[in-house]
């Protein structure tokens, strides 16, 4: 059963280290994960925007999931980016991430196509139905070209038990406020814009997925830890 506290704190959006031959640098990825965990992060996120998911094959994504799970050693949850342009591939990646032992899926909207909100609803329903693990929706309209409306996200949360939150990288703080005002109990709002972490936490966000936490994890973790400790 999913425990909502799995999604909390600061989760670095990790790069995918590569060798000079453009192969996955397995030792580099393992070392990076150790560095950020030792710095106090609350999870690790692989194969997302910072991880250049669009440049990786399905087999490379599978390997990154496996390396991340092995490197994390259950110290923190592993978030796996499994978005794809086709529903079929997104389902396959979700199942691959689950088989690798990832804890939470992060599913960005399709890119380069223009689905309606109803078509996005069907897309995410099918992904959620294909796995038993928690799904975090990922809204980054500037990159994907497709916005996940607040109504769509909350409808998916109501209809799919394992759609448990949203990573919002829209940069629209009015949208942040609407999410936080309307979110149901147990739903996790995750800030995806690094410069809005503190104000989002102050309004009730549960976590932040931050690329800067890959570079300066101690500093970003301190924002969260000092906030929850009452030291604004």
Foldseek 3Di string as FASTA:
>chain_A
DDDLLLAFFEEEEDAQDADPVRAGPLVVLLVLLVVLVVLPGQEYEELDVNNPVVPDDLVSLLVSLLSNCVSCVPVHAYEYEQEEQDLVSSLVSLVSSVVSPGQEYEYEYAAPDDDDLVVVLVSVVSSLVSDPHAYEYEADCVGRVDGNALVSLQVSVVVRVRDAEYADAPPDVVRLLVNLVPPDPRHAYEYADLVCVLVSVVSPHRYYHYNVCSVVVNVRSCSRVCVVVVND
